[in-house]
Amino acid sequence: MKPGETKECNVRIRYRQTLQKATLRMFDEGLYITFDELQRGIAPGQFAAWYYEDEVVGSGVIG
């Protein structure tokens, strides 16, 4: 993704968590994830993995 782009996808922040609908937004500083529903207990150092259908297409450390 390039700065300014957005994409809708599914995201998981915990092992075996149900996939959650979210929007990815790319900025010069990095990628931001906005979940459709409130997520609890997200901490720096956790990983987020994003999916299109059932395929993992990216992941990163939450800062």
PDB file of N, CA and C in Angstrom:
ATOM      1  N   MET A   1       0.831  -1.176   0.000  1.00  0.00           N
ATOM      2  CA  MET A   1       0.000   0.000   0.000  1.00  0.00           C
ATOM      3  C   MET A   1       0.881   1.246   0.000  1.00  0.00           C
ATOM      4  N   LYS A   2       0.364   2.276  -0.588  1.00  0.00           N
ATOM      5  CA  LYS A   2       1.056   3.564  -0.638  1.00  0.00           C
ATOM      6  C   LYS A   2       0.373   4.546   0.302  1.00  0.00           C
ATOM      7  N   PRO A   3       1.096   5.562   0.793  1.00  0.00           N
ATOM      8  CA  PRO A   3       0.471   6.561   1.654  1.00  0.00           C
ATOM      9  C   PRO A   3      -0.793   7.137   1.005  1.00  0.00           C
ATOM     10  N   GLY A   4      -1.857   7.225   1.808  1.00  0.00           N
ATOM     11  CA  GLY A   4      -3.133   7.715   1.317  1.00  0.00           C
ATOM     12  C   GLY A   4      -4.110   6.617   0.929  1.00  0.00           C
ATOM     13  N   GLU A   5      -3.630   5.393   0.755  1.00  0.00           N
ATOM     14  CA  GLU A   5      -4.504   4.283   0.373  1.00  0.00           C
ATOM     15  C   GLU A   5      -5.204   3.684   1.589  1.00  0.00           C
ATOM     16  N   THR A   6      -6.409   3.157   1.369  1.00  0.00           N
ATOM     17  CA  THR A   6      -7.137   2.408   2.390  1.00  0.00           C
ATOM     18  C   THR A   6      -7.631   1.107   1.778  1.00  0.00           C
ATOM     19  N   LYS A   7      -7.751   0.089   2.628  1.00  0.00           N
ATOM     20  CA  LYS A   7      -8.285  -1.201   2.180  1.00  0.00           C
ATOM     21  C   LYS A   7      -9.075  -1.818   3.312  1.00  0.00           C
ATOM     22  N   GLU A   8     -10.194  -2.418   2.964  1.00  0.00           N
ATOM     23  CA  GLU A   8     -10.983  -3.153   3.941  1.00  0.00           C
ATOM     24  C   GLU A   8     -10.521  -4.599   3.937  1.00  0.00           C
ATOM     25  N   CYS A   9     -10.424  -5.178   5.130  1.00  0.00           N
ATOM     26  CA  CYS A   9      -9.980  -6.563   5.244  1.00  0.00           C
ATOM     27  C   CYS A   9     -10.440  -7.111   6.587  1.00  0.00           C
ATOM     28  N   ASN A  10      -9.978  -8.288   6.920  1.00  0.00           N
ATOM     29  CA  ASN A  10     -10.226  -8.894   8.221  1.00  0.00           C
ATOM     30  C   ASN A  10      -8.903  -8.956   8.967  1.00  0.00           C
ATOM     31  N   VAL A  11      -8.954  -8.734  10.274  1.00  0.00           N
ATOM     32  CA  VAL A  11      -7.733  -8.669  11.079  1.00  0.00           C
ATOM     33  C   VAL A  11      -7.895  -9.541  12.309  1.00  0.00           C
ATOM     34  N   ARG A  12      -6.779 -10.120  12.724  1.00  0.00           N
ATOM     35  CA  ARG A  12      -6.729 -10.922  13.949  1.00  0.00           C
ATOM     36  C   ARG A  12      -5.568 -10.409  14.779  1.00  0.00           C
ATOM     37  N   ILE A  13      -5.800 -10.186  16.081  1.00  0.00           N
ATOM     38  CA  ILE A  13      -4.725  -9.732  16.962  1.00  0.00           C
ATOM     39  C   ILE A  13      -4.385 -10.760  18.039  1.00  0.00           C
ATOM     40  N   ARG A  14      -5.142 -11.853  18.076  1.00  0.00           N
ATOM     41  CA  ARG A  14      -4.876 -12.926  19.028  1.00  0.00           C
ATOM     42  C   ARG A  14      -4.975 -14.266  18.309  1.00  0.00           C
ATOM     43  N   TYR A  15      -4.176 -15.207  18.738  1.00  0.00           N
ATOM     44  CA  TYR A  15      -4.190 -16.551  18.168  1.00  0.00           C
ATOM     45  C   TYR A  15      -5.592 -17.134  18.276  1.00  0.00           C
ATOM     46  N   ARG A  16      -6.108 -17.625  17.174  1.00  0.00           N
ATOM     47  CA  ARG A  16      -7.431 -18.243  17.075  1.00  0.00           C
ATOM     48  C   ARG A  16      -8.599 -17.290  17.319  1.00  0.00           C
ATOM     49  N   GLN A  17      -8.330 -15.994  17.372  1.00  0.00           N
ATOM     50  CA  GLN A  17      -9.412 -15.022  17.488  1.00  0.00           C
ATOM     51  C   GLN A  17     -10.239 -15.049  16.217  1.00  0.00           C
ATOM     52  N   THR A  18     -11.533 -14.843  16.357  1.00  0.00           N
ATOM     53  CA  THR A  18     -12.387 -14.701  15.183  1.00  0.00           C
ATOM     54  C   THR A  18     -11.907 -13.496  14.384  1.00  0.00           C
ATOM     55  N   LEU A  19     -11.876 -13.624  13.071  1.00  0.00           N
ATOM     56  CA  LEU A  19     -11.463 -12.496  12.241  1.00  0.00           C
ATOM     57  C   LEU A  19     -12.417 -11.323  12.446  1.00  0.00           C
ATOM     58  N   GLN A  20     -11.839 -10.126  12.533  1.00  0.00           N
ATOM     59  CA  GLN A  20     -12.591  -8.910  12.789  1.00  0.00           C
ATOM     60  C   GLN A  20     -12.508  -7.995  11.575  1.00  0.00           C
ATOM     61  N   LYS A  21     -13.629  -7.412  11.178  1.00  0.00           N
ATOM     62  CA  LYS A  21     -13.625  -6.474  10.052  1.00  0.00           C
ATOM     63  C   LYS A  21     -12.895  -5.199  10.460  1.00  0.00           C
ATOM     64  N   ALA A  22     -12.074  -4.704   9.538  1.00  0.00           N
ATOM     65  CA  ALA A  22     -11.285  -3.512   9.820  1.00  0.00           C
ATOM     66  C   ALA A  22     -10.911  -2.810   8.521  1.00  0.00           C
ATOM     67  N   THR A  23     -10.412  -1.588   8.670  1.00  0.00           N
ATOM     68  CA  THR A  23      -9.904  -0.820   7.540  1.00  0.00           C
ATOM     69  C   THR A  23      -8.436  -0.519   7.787  1.00  0.00           C
ATOM     70  N   LEU A  24      -7.605  -0.803   6.799  1.00  0.00           N
ATOM     71  CA  LEU A  24      -6.186  -0.455   6.859  1.00  0.00           C
ATOM     72  C   LEU A  24      -6.009   0.899   6.204  1.00  0.00           C
ATOM     73  N   ARG A  25      -5.237   1.770   6.840  1.00  0.00           N
ATOM     74  CA  ARG A  25      -4.950   3.103   6.289  1.00  0.00           C
ATOM     75  C   ARG A  25      -3.440   3.311   6.316  1.00  0.00           C
ATOM     76  N   MET A  26      -2.872   3.594   5.160  1.00  0.00           N
ATOM     77  CA  MET A  26      -1.428   3.803   5.069  1.00  0.00           C
ATOM     78  C   MET A  26      -1.106   5.286   5.144  1.00  0.00           C
ATOM     79  N   PHE A  27      -0.172   5.609   6.032  1.00  0.00           N
ATOM     80  CA  PHE A  27       0.345   6.965   6.180  1.00  0.00           C
ATOM     81  C   PHE A  27       1.857   6.904   6.010  1.00  0.00           C
ATOM     82  N   ASP A  28       2.501   8.049   5.889  1.00  0.00           N
ATOM     83  CA  ASP A  28       3.962   8.077   5.804  1.00  0.00           C
ATOM     84  C   ASP A  28       4.595   7.434   7.040  1.00  0.00           C
ATOM     85  N   GLU A  29       3.953   7.591   8.218  1.00  0.00           N
ATOM     86  CA  GLU A  29       4.501   7.072   9.469  1.00  0.00           C
ATOM     87  C   GLU A  29       4.296   5.580   9.641  1.00  0.00           C
ATOM     88  N   GLY A  30       3.374   4.991   8.888  1.00  0.00           N
ATOM     89  CA  GLY A  30       3.110   3.566   9.022  1.00  0.00           C
ATOM     90  C   GLY A  30       1.663   3.228   8.718  1.00  0.00           C
ATOM     91  N   LEU A  31       1.316   1.986   8.984  1.00  0.00           N
ATOM     92  CA  LEU A  31      -0.014   1.464   8.691  1.00  0.00           C
ATOM     93  C   LEU A  31      -0.867   1.528   9.952  1.00  0.00           C
ATOM     94  N   TYR A  32      -2.088   2.006   9.820  1.00  0.00           N
ATOM     95  CA  TYR A  32      -3.016   2.090  10.937  1.00  0.00           C
ATOM     96  C   TYR A  32      -4.204   1.178  10.661  1.00  0.00           C
ATOM     97  N   ILE A  33      -4.691   0.523  11.710  1.00  0.00           N
ATOM     98  CA  ILE A  33      -5.841  -0.368  11.602  1.00  0.00           C
ATOM     99  C   ILE A  33      -6.981   0.231  12.402  1.00  0.00           C
ATOM    100  N   THR A  34      -8.139   0.380  11.774  1.00  0.00           N
ATOM    101  CA  THR A  34      -9.342   0.827  12.456  1.00  0.00           C
ATOM    102  C   THR A  34     -10.354  -0.307  12.392  1.00  0.00           C
ATOM    103  N   PHE A  35     -10.682  -0.858  13.550  1.00  0.00           N
ATOM    104  CA  PHE A  35     -11.642  -1.962  13.607  1.00  0.00           C
ATOM    105  C   PHE A  35     -13.063  -1.432  13.535  1.00  0.00           C
ATOM    106  N   ASP A  36     -13.954  -2.202  12.923  1.00  0.00           N
ATOM    107  CA  ASP A  36     -15.370  -1.836  12.874  1.00  0.00           C
ATOM    108  C   ASP A  36     -15.985  -1.910  14.275  1.00  0.00           C
ATOM    109  N   GLU A  37     -15.521  -2.863  15.092  1.00  0.00           N
ATOM    110  CA  GLU A  37     -16.007  -3.016  16.458  1.00  0.00           C
ATOM    111  C   GLU A  37     -14.848  -2.819  17.429  1.00  0.00           C
ATOM    112  N   LEU A  38     -15.154  -2.273  18.591  1.00  0.00           N
ATOM    113  CA  LEU A  38     -14.163  -2.008  19.616  1.00  0.00           C
ATOM    114  C   LEU A  38     -13.413  -3.287  20.000  1.00  0.00           C
ATOM    115  N   GLN A  39     -12.093  -3.197  20.089  1.00  0.00           N
ATOM    116  CA  GLN A  39     -11.248  -4.311  20.520  1.00  0.00           C
ATOM    117  C   GLN A  39     -10.671  -3.953  21.878  1.00  0.00           C
ATOM    118  N   ARG A  40     -10.570  -4.927  22.759  1.00  0.00           N
ATOM    119  CA  ARG A  40     -10.086  -4.667  24.109  1.00  0.00           C
ATOM    120  C   ARG A  40      -8.730  -5.319  24.321  1.00  0.00           C
ATOM    121  N   GLY A  41      -7.938  -4.689  25.177  1.00  0.00           N
ATOM    122  CA  GLY A  41      -6.687  -5.288  25.622  1.00  0.00           C
ATOM    123  C   GLY A  41      -5.588  -5.355  24.583  1.00  0.00           C
ATOM    124  N   ILE A  42      -5.569  -4.440  23.631  1.00  0.00           N
ATOM    125  CA  ILE A  42      -4.483  -4.416  22.650  1.00  0.00           C
ATOM    126  C   ILE A  42      -3.281  -3.734  23.287  1.00  0.00           C
ATOM    127  N   ALA A  43      -2.109  -4.353  23.178  1.00  0.00           N
ATOM    128  CA  ALA A  43      -0.906  -3.813  23.819  1.00  0.00           C
ATOM    129  C   ALA A  43       0.242  -3.705  22.816  1.00  0.00           C
ATOM    130  N   PRO A  44       1.112  -2.710  23.008  1.00  0.00           N
ATOM    131  CA  PRO A  44       2.299  -2.616  22.165  1.00  0.00           C
ATOM    132  C   PRO A  44       3.105  -3.916  22.243  1.00  0.00           C
ATOM    133  N   GLY A  45       3.604  -4.340  21.096  1.00  0.00           N
ATOM    134  CA  GLY A  45       4.383  -5.570  21.019  1.00  0.00           C
ATOM    135  C   GLY A  45       3.580  -6.755  20.498  1.00  0.00           C
ATOM    136  N   GLN A  46       2.247  -6.668  20.561  1.00  0.00           N
ATOM    137  CA  GLN A  46       1.419  -7.716  19.967  1.00  0.00           C
ATOM    138  C   GLN A  46       1.531  -7.631  18.452  1.00  0.00           C
ATOM    139  N   PHE A  47       1.191  -8.725  17.796  1.00  0.00           N
ATOM    140  CA  PHE A  47       1.140  -8.736  16.342  1.00  0.00           C
ATOM    141  C   PHE A  47      -0.301  -8.618  15.871  1.00  0.00           C
ATOM    142  N   ALA A  48      -0.486  -8.003  14.741  1.00  0.00           N
ATOM    143  CA  ALA A  48      -1.764  -7.994  14.029  1.00  0.00           C
ATOM    144  C   ALA A  48      -1.509  -8.671  12.691  1.00  0.00           C
ATOM    145  N   ALA A  49      -2.432  -9.509  12.275  1.00  0.00           N
ATOM    146  CA  ALA A  49      -2.337 -10.161  10.966  1.00  0.00           C
ATOM    147  C   ALA A  49      -3.607  -9.840  10.194  1.00  0.00           C
ATOM    148  N   TRP A  50      -3.451  -9.447   8.925  1.00  0.00           N
ATOM    149  CA  TRP A  50      -4.620  -9.119   8.119  1.00  0.00           C
ATOM    150  C   TRP A  50      -4.771 -10.117   6.990  1.00  0.00           C
ATOM    151  N   TYR A  51      -6.037 -10.334   6.662  1.00  0.00           N
ATOM    152  CA  TYR A  51      -6.434 -11.397   5.748  1.00  0.00           C
ATOM    153  C   TYR A  51      -7.338 -10.845   4.663  1.00  0.00           C
ATOM    154  N   TYR A  52      -7.248 -11.444   3.478  1.00  0.00           N
ATOM    155  CA  TYR A  52      -8.236 -11.279   2.421  1.00  0.00           C
ATOM    156  C   TYR A  52      -8.783 -12.665   2.181  1.00  0.00           C
ATOM    157  N   GLU A  53     -10.086 -12.812   2.438  1.00  0.00           N
ATOM    158  CA  GLU A  53     -10.737 -14.116   2.482  1.00  0.00           C
ATOM    159  C   GLU A  53     -10.037 -14.933   3.565  1.00  0.00           C
ATOM    160  N   ASP A  54      -9.489 -16.100   3.269  1.00  0.00           N
ATOM    161  CA  ASP A  54      -8.837 -16.920   4.304  1.00  0.00           C
ATOM    162  C   ASP A  54      -7.317 -16.874   4.220  1.00  0.00           C
ATOM    163  N   GLU A  55      -6.774 -15.976   3.440  1.00  0.00           N
ATOM    164  CA  GLU A  55      -5.326 -15.932   3.223  1.00  0.00           C
ATOM    165  C   GLU A  55      -4.689 -14.755   3.968  1.00  0.00           C
ATOM    166  N   VAL A  56      -3.634 -15.055   4.739  1.00  0.00           N
ATOM    167  CA  VAL A  56      -2.878 -13.996   5.404  1.00  0.00           C
ATOM    168  C   VAL A  56      -2.106 -13.240   4.338  1.00  0.00           C
ATOM    169  N   VAL A  57      -2.266 -11.924   4.319  1.00  0.00           N
ATOM    170  CA  VAL A  57      -1.568 -11.127   3.312  1.00  0.00           C
ATOM    171  C   VAL A  57      -0.606 -10.119   3.937  1.00  0.00           C
ATOM    172  N   GLY A  58      -0.593 -10.043   5.278  1.00  0.00           N
ATOM    173  CA  GLY A  58       0.332  -9.139   5.928  1.00  0.00           C
ATOM    174  C   GLY A  58       0.240  -9.251   7.433  1.00  0.00           C
ATOM    175  N   SER A  59       1.267  -8.757   8.103  1.00  0.00           N
ATOM    176  CA  SER A  59       1.270  -8.720   9.561  1.00  0.00           C
ATOM    177  C   SER A  59       2.279  -7.674  10.014  1.00  0.00           C
ATOM    178  N   GLY A  60       2.156  -7.284  11.276  1.00  0.00           N
ATOM    179  CA  GLY A  60       3.093  -6.321  11.818  1.00  0.00           C
ATOM    180  C   GLY A  60       2.944  -6.197  13.320  1.00  0.00           C
ATOM    181  N   VAL A  61       3.946  -5.619  13.931  1.00  0.00           N
ATOM    182  CA  VAL A  61       3.954  -5.418  15.370  1.00  0.00           C
ATOM    183  C   VAL A  61       3.183  -4.148  15.702  1.00  0.00           C
ATOM    184  N   ILE A  62       2.327  -4.235  16.711  1.00  0.00           N
ATOM    185  CA  ILE A  62       1.564  -3.078  17.167  1.00  0.00           C
ATOM    186  C   ILE A  62       2.491  -2.208  18.007  1.00  0.00           C
ATOM    187  N   GLY A  63       2.544  -0.931  17.666  1.00  0.00           N
ATOM    188  CA  GLY A  63       3.466  -0.017  18.374  1.00  0.00           C
ATOM    189  C   GLY A  63       2.789   0.903  19.335  1.00  0.00           C
TER     190      GLY A  63
END
